[in-house]
Amino acid sequence: MMLCGLYIAILARKLPSVLKLGVWLGLALFLCAVFFKLGGEYAKPSVDFARSQTLFTENDNANIFGKRSENVDNLDIELLGCDQNGQSPTCTLELTNKSADRDFRFVNPISLFEETGGALGLSQMRVGDAKYDRWDNFQLIRNVPTRVTMTFEAAKGKVKQSPALKLSFRDRENKDNVLKFNEVKVN
C-alpha cells in the first residue's frame, strides 16, 4: 500500500500544479485515514485491559465541610475517625447507599498503616451494634447511614498519625475497588 502511494506521488510530479496538489492532498488524507484506522484497532485491547483493572480512589484531606468522604459506585463512604484504646486502633466509617438496596462486603486487604509503613490488618468488624466476621456480607439500605467500626491488629506502640487507611471492596458489577484515605489522624 505504501509502495502504491509512493508510485502515485512520483507519477503526480509530472502533472500540472493544481492537479499535483490535489493528488498529494488526497494521498495525505488517505494516509491519515489508514493510520487512524490502525490506531483504533491497536487501542481496543488496552481499553478492555483498563476496564478490568481495579478502580482506585484516593482521599487526601477533608472537604469544605470538614468531612473525609468519597462517593464510589453510588455509595458515600465517610471516615468519621480513628482512635486507639489500648493496643488495637479502630476506625469508624459511615456508609450511605444512594442506589437500590444491596449486599455489601469488604474484601482483603483492608489495612491501617503505621508511621513506619507497617500494615495492620483488619481483625474484627461491627456493623451498627452487630458483630460481623471480617469478610461477611451485610445489607445496605437506600439512604440509611450504616455505621461500620473496624478494629485492626494490635500495634506495638501508639499510632498517632497513619499514612493511609486502605479499604478494598467489590461494587455492584463485581469489580474490585480500592478507597484510600491518606494522612489519617488517630486519637
C-alpha atoms as a PDB file:
ATOM      1  CA  MET A   1       0.000   0.000   0.000  1.00  0.00           C
ATOM      2  CA  MET A   2       2.862   2.353   0.863  1.00  0.00           C
ATOM      3  CA  LEU A   3       4.587   1.487  -2.427  1.00  0.00           C
ATOM      4  CA  CYS A   4       1.397   2.292  -4.364  1.00  0.00           C
ATOM      5  CA  GLY A   5       1.184   5.656  -2.643  1.00  0.00           C
ATOM      6  CA  LEU A   6       4.833   6.373  -3.401  1.00  0.00           C
ATOM      7  CA  TYR A   7       4.335   5.362  -7.063  1.00  0.00           C
ATOM      8  CA  ILE A   8       1.298   7.666  -7.393  1.00  0.00           C
ATOM      9  CA  ALA A   9       3.273  10.537  -5.813  1.00  0.00           C
ATOM     10  CA  ILE A  10       6.124  10.032  -8.322  1.00  0.00           C
ATOM     11  CA  LEU A  11       3.689   9.992 -11.259  1.00  0.00           C
ATOM     12  CA  ALA A  12       1.933  13.094  -9.891  1.00  0.00           C
ATOM     13  CA  ARG A  13       5.162  15.108 -10.208  1.00  0.00           C
ATOM     14  CA  LYS A  14       4.583  15.394 -13.966  1.00  0.00           C
ATOM     15  CA  LEU A  15       1.009  16.725 -13.628  1.00  0.00           C
ATOM     16  CA  PRO A  16       0.089  20.422 -13.703  1.00  0.00           C
ATOM     17  CA  SER A  17       0.476  22.127 -10.310  1.00  0.00           C
ATOM     18  CA  VAL A  18      -3.278  22.233  -9.435  1.00  0.00           C
ATOM     19  CA  LEU A  19      -3.731  18.508 -10.154  1.00  0.00           C
ATOM     20  CA  LYS A  20      -0.450  17.684  -8.420  1.00  0.00           C
ATOM     21  CA  LEU A  21      -1.592  19.438  -5.219  1.00  0.00           C
ATOM     22  CA  GLY A  22      -4.959  17.674  -5.397  1.00  0.00           C
ATOM     23  CA  VAL A  23      -3.329  14.226  -5.737  1.00  0.00           C
ATOM     24  CA  TRP A  24      -0.901  14.887  -2.883  1.00  0.00           C
ATOM     25  CA  LEU A  25      -3.736  16.171  -0.677  1.00  0.00           C
ATOM     26  CA  GLY A  26      -5.773  13.045  -1.483  1.00  0.00           C
ATOM     27  CA  LEU A  27      -2.774  10.827  -0.664  1.00  0.00           C
ATOM     28  CA  ALA A  28      -2.162  12.644   2.620  1.00  0.00           C
ATOM     29  CA  LEU A  29      -5.828  12.298   3.655  1.00  0.00           C
ATOM     30  CA  PHE A  30      -5.817   8.609   2.665  1.00  0.00           C
ATOM     31  CA  LEU A  31      -2.649   8.021   4.700  1.00  0.00           C
ATOM     32  CA  CYS A  32      -4.184   9.803   7.722  1.00  0.00           C
ATOM     33  CA  ALA A  33      -7.306   7.630   7.459  1.00  0.00           C
ATOM     34  CA  VAL A  34      -5.202   4.449   7.290  1.00  0.00           C
ATOM     35  CA  PHE A  35      -3.182   5.399  10.381  1.00  0.00           C
ATOM     36  CA  PHE A  36      -6.344   6.447  12.226  1.00  0.00           C
ATOM     37  CA  LYS A  37      -7.931   3.062  11.493  1.00  0.00           C
ATOM     38  CA  LEU A  38      -4.780   1.179  12.548  1.00  0.00           C
ATOM     39  CA  GLY A  39      -4.519   3.222  15.737  1.00  0.00           C
ATOM     40  CA  GLY A  40      -8.122   2.432  16.611  1.00  0.00           C
ATOM     41  CA  GLU A  41      -7.510  -1.290  16.162  1.00  0.00           C
ATOM     42  CA  TYR A  42      -4.435  -1.243  18.387  1.00  0.00           C
ATOM     43  CA  ALA A  43      -6.188   0.803  21.104  1.00  0.00           C
ATOM     44  CA  LYS A  44      -9.009  -1.708  21.631  1.00  0.00           C
ATOM     45  CA  PRO A  45      -7.065  -4.257  23.693  1.00  0.00           C
ATOM     46  CA  SER A  46      -5.720  -1.593  26.039  1.00  0.00           C
ATOM     47  CA  VAL A  47      -9.219  -0.190  26.653  1.00  0.00           C
ATOM     48  CA  ASP A  48     -10.510  -3.663  27.577  1.00  0.00           C
ATOM     49  CA  PHE A  49      -7.471  -4.194  29.774  1.00  0.00           C
ATOM     50  CA  ALA A  50      -8.120  -0.910  31.598  1.00  0.00           C
ATOM     51  CA  ARG A  51     -11.750  -1.842  32.232  1.00  0.00           C
ATOM     52  CA  SER A  52     -10.720  -4.975  34.105  1.00  0.00           C
ATOM     53  CA  GLN A  53      -8.310  -3.141  36.383  1.00  0.00           C
ATOM     54  CA  THR A  54      -9.037  -2.153  39.954  1.00  0.00           C
ATOM     55  CA  LEU A  55     -10.784   1.170  40.372  1.00  0.00           C
ATOM     56  CA  PHE A  56      -8.657   3.233  42.755  1.00  0.00           C
ATOM     57  CA  THR A  57      -9.863   6.342  44.621  1.00  0.00           C
ATOM     58  CA  GLU A  58      -7.778   8.470  46.989  1.00  0.00           C
ATOM     59  CA  ASN A  59      -8.942  10.949  49.621  1.00  0.00           C
ATOM     60  CA  ASP A  60      -6.145  13.284  50.675  1.00  0.00           C
ATOM     61  CA  ASN A  61      -7.952  15.596  53.087  1.00  0.00           C
ATOM     62  CA  ALA A  62     -11.303  16.845  54.344  1.00  0.00           C
ATOM     63  CA  ASN A  63     -13.781  18.634  52.099  1.00  0.00           C
ATOM     64  CA  ILE A  64     -15.049  22.171  52.766  1.00  0.00           C
ATOM     65  CA  PHE A  65     -17.472  20.806  55.388  1.00  0.00           C
ATOM     66  CA  GLY A  66     -14.626  19.133  57.297  1.00  0.00           C
ATOM     67  CA  LYS A  67     -15.625  15.600  56.270  1.00  0.00           C
ATOM     68  CA  ARG A  68     -13.410  12.850  54.860  1.00  0.00           C
ATOM     69  CA  SER A  69     -15.901  11.453  52.362  1.00  0.00           C
ATOM     70  CA  GLU A  70     -15.885   9.828  48.912  1.00  0.00           C
ATOM     71  CA  ASN A  71     -18.641   8.527  46.638  1.00  0.00           C
ATOM     72  CA  VAL A  72     -17.793   5.243  44.913  1.00  0.00           C
ATOM     73  CA  ASP A  73     -20.380   3.207  42.978  1.00  0.00           C
ATOM     74  CA  ASN A  74     -23.264   5.329  44.323  1.00  0.00           C
ATOM     75  CA  LEU A  75     -22.088   4.675  47.871  1.00  0.00           C
ATOM     76  CA  ASP A  76     -20.999   7.504  50.182  1.00  0.00           C
ATOM     77  CA  ILE A  77     -18.121   6.355  52.387  1.00  0.00           C
ATOM     78  CA  GLU A  78     -17.257   8.795  55.157  1.00  0.00           C
ATOM     79  CA  LEU A  79     -14.384   8.321  57.585  1.00  0.00           C
ATOM     80  CA  LEU A  80     -15.752   9.508  60.935  1.00  0.00           C
ATOM     81  CA  GLY A  81     -12.480   8.998  62.766  1.00  0.00           C
ATOM     82  CA  CYS A  82      -9.873   6.635  64.133  1.00  0.00           C
ATOM     83  CA  ASP A  83      -8.738   6.141  67.714  1.00  0.00           C
ATOM     84  CA  GLN A  84      -6.589   3.771  69.708  1.00  0.00           C
ATOM     85  CA  ASN A  85      -7.676   2.463  73.091  1.00  0.00           C
ATOM     86  CA  GLY A  86      -5.043   0.034  74.272  1.00  0.00           C
ATOM     87  CA  GLN A  87      -3.058  -1.721  71.558  1.00  0.00           C
ATOM     88  CA  SER A  88      -5.634  -2.007  68.747  1.00  0.00           C
ATOM     89  CA  PRO A  89      -6.596   1.007  66.636  1.00  0.00           C
ATOM     90  CA  THR A  90     -10.218   1.293  65.493  1.00  0.00           C
ATOM     91  CA  CYS A  91     -11.674   3.310  62.627  1.00  0.00           C
ATOM     92  CA  THR A  92     -15.321   4.216  62.210  1.00  0.00           C
ATOM     93  CA  LEU A  93     -16.930   4.683  58.798  1.00  0.00           C
ATOM     94  CA  GLU A  94     -20.406   5.697  57.768  1.00  0.00           C
ATOM     95  CA  LEU A  95     -21.715   4.088  54.578  1.00  0.00           C
ATOM     96  CA  THR A  96     -24.769   5.572  52.867  1.00  0.00           C
ATOM     97  CA  ASN A  97     -26.137   3.704  49.871  1.00  0.00           C
ATOM     98  CA  LYS A  98     -27.586   6.080  47.249  1.00  0.00           C
ATOM     99  CA  SER A  99     -28.988   3.348  44.967  1.00  0.00           C
ATOM    100  CA  ALA A 100     -31.273   0.322  45.411  1.00  0.00           C
ATOM    101  CA  ASP A 101     -30.821  -1.920  48.462  1.00  0.00           C
ATOM    102  CA  ARG A 102     -27.859  -4.264  48.102  1.00  0.00           C
ATOM    103  CA  ASP A 103     -25.497  -6.641  49.798  1.00  0.00           C
ATOM    104  CA  PHE A 104     -22.052  -5.248  50.507  1.00  0.00           C
ATOM    105  CA  ARG A 105     -18.806  -6.669  51.773  1.00  0.00           C
ATOM    106  CA  PHE A 106     -15.233  -5.629  52.178  1.00  0.00           C
ATOM    107  CA  VAL A 107     -12.541  -7.835  50.651  1.00  0.00           C
ATOM    108  CA  ASN A 108      -8.948  -8.481  51.612  1.00  0.00           C
ATOM    109  CA  PRO A 109      -6.771  -6.435  52.089  1.00  0.00           C
ATOM    110  CA  ILE A 110      -8.034  -3.781  54.481  1.00  0.00           C
ATOM    111  CA  SER A 111      -5.129  -2.078  56.197  1.00  0.00           C
ATOM    112  CA  LEU A 112      -4.320   0.772  58.527  1.00  0.00           C
ATOM    113  CA  PHE A 113      -0.685   1.717  58.062  1.00  0.00           C
ATOM    114  CA  GLU A 114       1.663   2.658  60.904  1.00  0.00           C
ATOM    115  CA  GLU A 115       4.024   5.637  60.726  1.00  0.00           C
ATOM    116  CA  THR A 116       6.884   3.242  59.922  1.00  0.00           C
ATOM    117  CA  GLY A 117       4.993   1.765  56.951  1.00  0.00           C
ATOM    118  CA  GLY A 118       3.818  -1.494  58.515  1.00  0.00           C
ATOM    119  CA  ALA A 119       0.276  -2.567  57.657  1.00  0.00           C
ATOM    120  CA  LEU A 120      -2.140  -3.522  60.420  1.00  0.00           C
ATOM    121  CA  GLY A 121      -4.748  -5.950  59.075  1.00  0.00           C
ATOM    122  CA  LEU A 122      -8.421  -5.999  59.972  1.00  0.00           C
ATOM    123  CA  SER A 123      -9.128  -8.222  62.988  1.00  0.00           C
ATOM    124  CA  GLN A 124     -12.864  -7.628  63.560  1.00  0.00           C
ATOM    125  CA  MET A 125     -15.751  -5.541  62.295  1.00  0.00           C
ATOM    126  CA  ARG A 126     -19.028  -4.249  63.697  1.00  0.00           C
ATOM    127  CA  VAL A 127     -21.928  -3.055  61.552  1.00  0.00           C
ATOM    128  CA  GLY A 128     -24.182  -0.932  63.724  1.00  0.00           C
ATOM    129  CA  ASP A 129     -24.202  -2.835  67.032  1.00  0.00           C
ATOM    130  CA  ALA A 130     -23.879  -6.288  65.432  1.00  0.00           C
ATOM    131  CA  LYS A 131     -20.558  -8.109  65.266  1.00  0.00           C
ATOM    132  CA  TYR A 132     -19.662  -9.461  61.823  1.00  0.00           C
ATOM    133  CA  ASP A 133     -16.894 -11.686  60.566  1.00  0.00           C
ATOM    134  CA  ARG A 134     -14.329  -9.645  58.662  1.00  0.00           C
ATOM    135  CA  TRP A 135     -15.485 -10.708  55.200  1.00  0.00           C
ATOM    136  CA  ASP A 136     -19.243 -11.268  55.754  1.00  0.00           C
ATOM    137  CA  ASN A 137     -21.861  -9.607  53.544  1.00  0.00           C
ATOM    138  CA  PHE A 138     -24.182  -7.081  55.136  1.00  0.00           C
ATOM    139  CA  GLN A 139     -27.210  -5.184  53.853  1.00  0.00           C
ATOM    140  CA  LEU A 140     -27.055  -1.554  52.789  1.00  0.00           C
ATOM    141  CA  ILE A 141     -30.499   0.029  52.629  1.00  0.00           C
ATOM    142  CA  ARG A 142     -31.048   3.025  50.357  1.00  0.00           C
ATOM    143  CA  ASN A 143     -30.404   6.372  52.125  1.00  0.00           C
ATOM    144  CA  VAL A 144     -29.883   4.753  55.549  1.00  0.00           C
ATOM    145  CA  PRO A 145     -26.498   5.659  57.095  1.00  0.00           C
ATOM    146  CA  THR A 146     -24.783   2.464  58.249  1.00  0.00           C
ATOM    147  CA  ARG A 147     -22.002   2.767  60.817  1.00  0.00           C
ATOM    148  CA  VAL A 148     -19.106   0.329  60.407  1.00  0.00           C
ATOM    149  CA  THR A 149     -16.428   0.049  63.100  1.00  0.00           C
ATOM    150  CA  MET A 150     -13.223  -1.712  62.132  1.00  0.00           C
ATOM    151  CA  THR A 151     -10.759  -2.964  64.722  1.00  0.00           C
ATOM    152  CA  PHE A 152      -7.247  -3.592  63.471  1.00  0.00           C
ATOM    153  CA  GLU A 153      -4.432  -5.829  64.694  1.00  0.00           C
ATOM    154  CA  ALA A 154      -2.562  -4.695  67.787  1.00  0.00           C
ATOM    155  CA  ALA A 155       0.150  -2.118  67.187  1.00  0.00           C
ATOM    156  CA  LYS A 156       3.464  -2.250  69.054  1.00  0.00           C
ATOM    157  CA  GLY A 157       3.168   1.375  70.103  1.00  0.00           C
ATOM    158  CA  LYS A 158       0.789   4.311  69.958  1.00  0.00           C
ATOM    159  CA  VAL A 159      -0.283   5.203  66.415  1.00  0.00           C
ATOM    160  CA  LYS A 160      -0.758   8.985  66.246  1.00  0.00           C
ATOM    161  CA  GLN A 161      -0.894   9.585  62.505  1.00  0.00           C
ATOM    162  CA  SER A 162      -1.472   6.850  59.951  1.00  0.00           C
ATOM    163  CA  PRO A 163      -0.105   7.437  56.454  1.00  0.00           C
ATOM    164  CA  ALA A 164      -3.125   5.623  54.995  1.00  0.00           C
ATOM    165  CA  LEU A 165      -6.286   3.638  55.622  1.00  0.00           C
ATOM    166  CA  LYS A 166      -6.830   1.353  52.642  1.00  0.00           C
ATOM    167  CA  LEU A 167     -10.260  -0.230  52.045  1.00  0.00           C
ATOM    168  CA  SER A 168     -10.974  -2.851  49.372  1.00  0.00           C
ATOM    169  CA  PHE A 169     -14.471  -3.866  48.287  1.00  0.00           C
ATOM    170  CA  ARG A 170     -16.474  -5.037  45.291  1.00  0.00           C
ATOM    171  CA  ASP A 171     -19.050  -2.874  43.542  1.00  0.00           C
ATOM    172  CA  ARG A 172     -22.424  -3.962  42.160  1.00  0.00           C
ATOM    173  CA  GLU A 173     -20.758  -5.158  38.928  1.00  0.00           C
ATOM    174  CA  ASN A 174     -18.387  -7.332  40.995  1.00  0.00           C
ATOM    175  CA  LYS A 175     -15.350  -5.173  40.115  1.00  0.00           C
ATOM    176  CA  ASP A 176     -12.656  -4.562  42.704  1.00  0.00           C
ATOM    177  CA  ASN A 177     -12.490  -1.049  44.149  1.00  0.00           C
ATOM    178  CA  VAL A 178      -9.903   0.449  46.470  1.00  0.00           C
ATOM    179  CA  LEU A 179     -10.528   3.561  48.556  1.00  0.00           C
ATOM    180  CA  LYS A 180      -7.516   5.036  50.289  1.00  0.00           C
ATOM    181  CA  PHE A 181      -7.738   7.739  52.949  1.00  0.00           C
ATOM    182  CA  ASN A 182      -4.323   9.428  53.228  1.00  0.00           C
ATOM    183  CA  GLU A 183      -2.885  11.050  56.384  1.00  0.00           C
ATOM    184  CA  VAL A 184      -5.427   9.721  58.887  1.00  0.00           C
ATOM    185  CA  LYS A 185      -5.241  11.164  62.406  1.00  0.00           C
ATOM    186  CA  VAL A 186      -5.565   8.554  65.174  1.00  0.00           C
ATOM    187  CA  ASN A 187      -6.773   9.970  68.525  1.00  0.00           C
END
